[in-house]
Amino acid sequence: MSFDELLKELQGAKSNEGVQNHVSFEMLFHETFMSRYSSFKCFNEFLRKGNFDVKTLEDVDNIPEELFDRHVDRETDFDSWKTMLGRANEEYEAGHRV
């Protein structure tokens, strides 16, 4: 599964099968976002720092929520993965409104 497909799964976009509204991790967690809210320049660097090998939705599902939340809390300005993903989605949507 590609990062695009993984993000689509995470955002619940799979339920909108006919809609082209998936966004890559690179687009959501771009350099400006990561630099603003963490000491990292890219999302992959953030994942590597936590020793997370994320290539599929299953990989994300297999990360204990408490462990991933702790990494997000320690390494970013967010207290949980859900909060970080939510802010990234909000900022992406705000920047791409028609």
Protein backbone atom coordinates (compact mmCIF):
# COMPACT_ATOMS: atom_id res chain seq x y z
CA MET A 1 0.00 0.00 0.00
CA SER A 2 1.37 3.41 -0.95
CA PHE A 3 1.47 6.42 1.37
CA ASP A 4 -1.41 7.90 -0.64
CA GLU A 5 -3.53 4.80 -0.02
CA LEU A 6 -2.50 4.73 3.64
CA LEU A 7 -3.55 8.34 4.13
CA LYS A 8 -6.80 7.69 2.29
CA GLU A 9 -7.50 4.88 4.76
CA LEU A 10 -6.57 7.02 7.76
CA GLN A 11 -8.84 9.85 6.69
CA GLY A 12 -11.75 7.52 6.10
CA ALA A 13 -11.80 8.45 2.44
CA LYS A 14 -12.21 4.80 1.42
CA SER A 15 -15.92 5.25 2.08
CA ASN A 16 -15.96 7.80 -0.76
CA GLU A 17 -14.64 5.37 -3.37
CA GLY A 18 -15.54 7.46 -6.40
CA VAL A 19 -14.12 10.69 -5.03
CA GLN A 20 -10.56 11.76 -5.81
CA ASN A 21 -9.74 13.36 -2.46
CA HIS A 22 -6.79 11.46 -1.09
CA VAL A 23 -3.78 13.47 0.00
CA SER A 24 -0.26 12.14 0.42
CA PHE A 25 1.62 12.32 3.70
CA GLU A 26 4.12 14.53 1.89
CA MET A 27 1.35 17.02 1.10
CA LEU A 28 -0.18 16.96 4.58
CA PHE A 29 3.05 16.89 6.55
CA HIS A 30 5.11 19.12 4.26
CA GLU A 31 8.33 20.79 5.33
CA THR A 32 6.64 23.99 6.53
CA PHE A 33 4.15 22.04 8.67
CA MET A 34 6.81 19.79 10.16
CA SER A 35 9.18 22.70 10.82
CA ARG A 36 6.41 24.73 12.45
CA TYR A 37 5.26 21.99 14.82
CA SER A 38 8.41 19.90 15.33
CA SER A 39 12.18 19.87 14.90
CA PHE A 40 11.88 17.73 11.75
CA LYS A 41 11.84 18.77 8.11
CA CYS A 42 9.88 15.78 6.86
CA PHE A 43 7.38 13.24 8.11
CA ASN A 44 9.64 10.29 7.28
CA GLU A 45 12.39 11.76 9.48
CA PHE A 46 9.84 12.05 12.29
CA LEU A 47 8.86 8.39 11.85
CA ARG A 48 12.50 7.24 11.72
CA LYS A 49 13.26 9.09 14.96
CA GLY A 50 10.58 6.97 16.66
CA ASN A 51 11.87 3.79 15.00
CA PHE A 52 8.53 3.37 13.22
CA ASP A 53 8.63 1.49 9.91
CA VAL A 54 5.38 2.68 8.34
CA LYS A 55 4.62 1.52 4.83
CA THR A 56 1.04 0.30 5.13
CA LEU A 57 -2.12 0.98 7.08
CA GLU A 58 -1.46 -2.27 8.89
CA ASP A 59 1.90 -0.85 10.04
CA VAL A 60 0.11 2.14 11.54
CA ASP A 61 -2.54 -0.10 13.11
CA ASN A 62 0.21 -2.21 14.64
CA ILE A 63 1.83 0.72 16.42
CA PRO A 64 0.43 0.79 19.94
CA GLU A 65 -1.61 3.99 20.15
CA GLU A 66 -0.03 4.97 23.46
CA LEU A 67 3.47 4.56 22.00
CA PHE A 68 2.71 6.63 18.88
CA ASP A 69 0.91 9.30 20.92
CA ARG A 70 3.90 9.47 23.28
CA HIS A 71 6.25 9.99 20.31
CA VAL A 72 3.99 12.71 18.88
CA ASP A 73 3.74 14.39 22.30
CA ARG A 74 7.50 14.26 22.84
CA GLU A 75 8.61 15.28 19.34
CA THR A 76 5.90 17.75 18.21
CA ASP A 77 3.66 20.50 19.55
CA PHE A 78 0.73 18.02 19.55
CA ASP A 79 -0.37 15.73 22.34
CA SER A 80 -1.58 12.88 20.12
CA TRP A 81 -1.45 11.47 16.60
CA LYS A 82 -5.15 12.18 16.14
CA THR A 83 -4.58 15.85 16.99
CA MET A 84 -1.57 16.11 14.67
CA LEU A 85 -3.41 14.47 11.77
CA GLY A 86 -6.45 16.66 12.40
CA ARG A 87 -4.40 19.88 12.28
CA ALA A 88 -2.64 18.78 9.11
CA ASN A 89 -6.01 18.07 7.48
CA GLU A 90 -7.40 21.44 8.62
CA GLU A 91 -4.42 23.35 7.26
CA TYR A 92 -4.45 21.42 3.99
CA GLU A 93 -8.16 22.05 3.49
CA ALA A 94 -7.82 25.73 4.39
CA GLY A 95 -5.07 26.12 1.81
CA HIS A 96 -6.96 24.25 -0.90
CA ARG A 97 -10.50 25.61 -0.67
CA VAL A 98 -12.07 26.43 -4.00
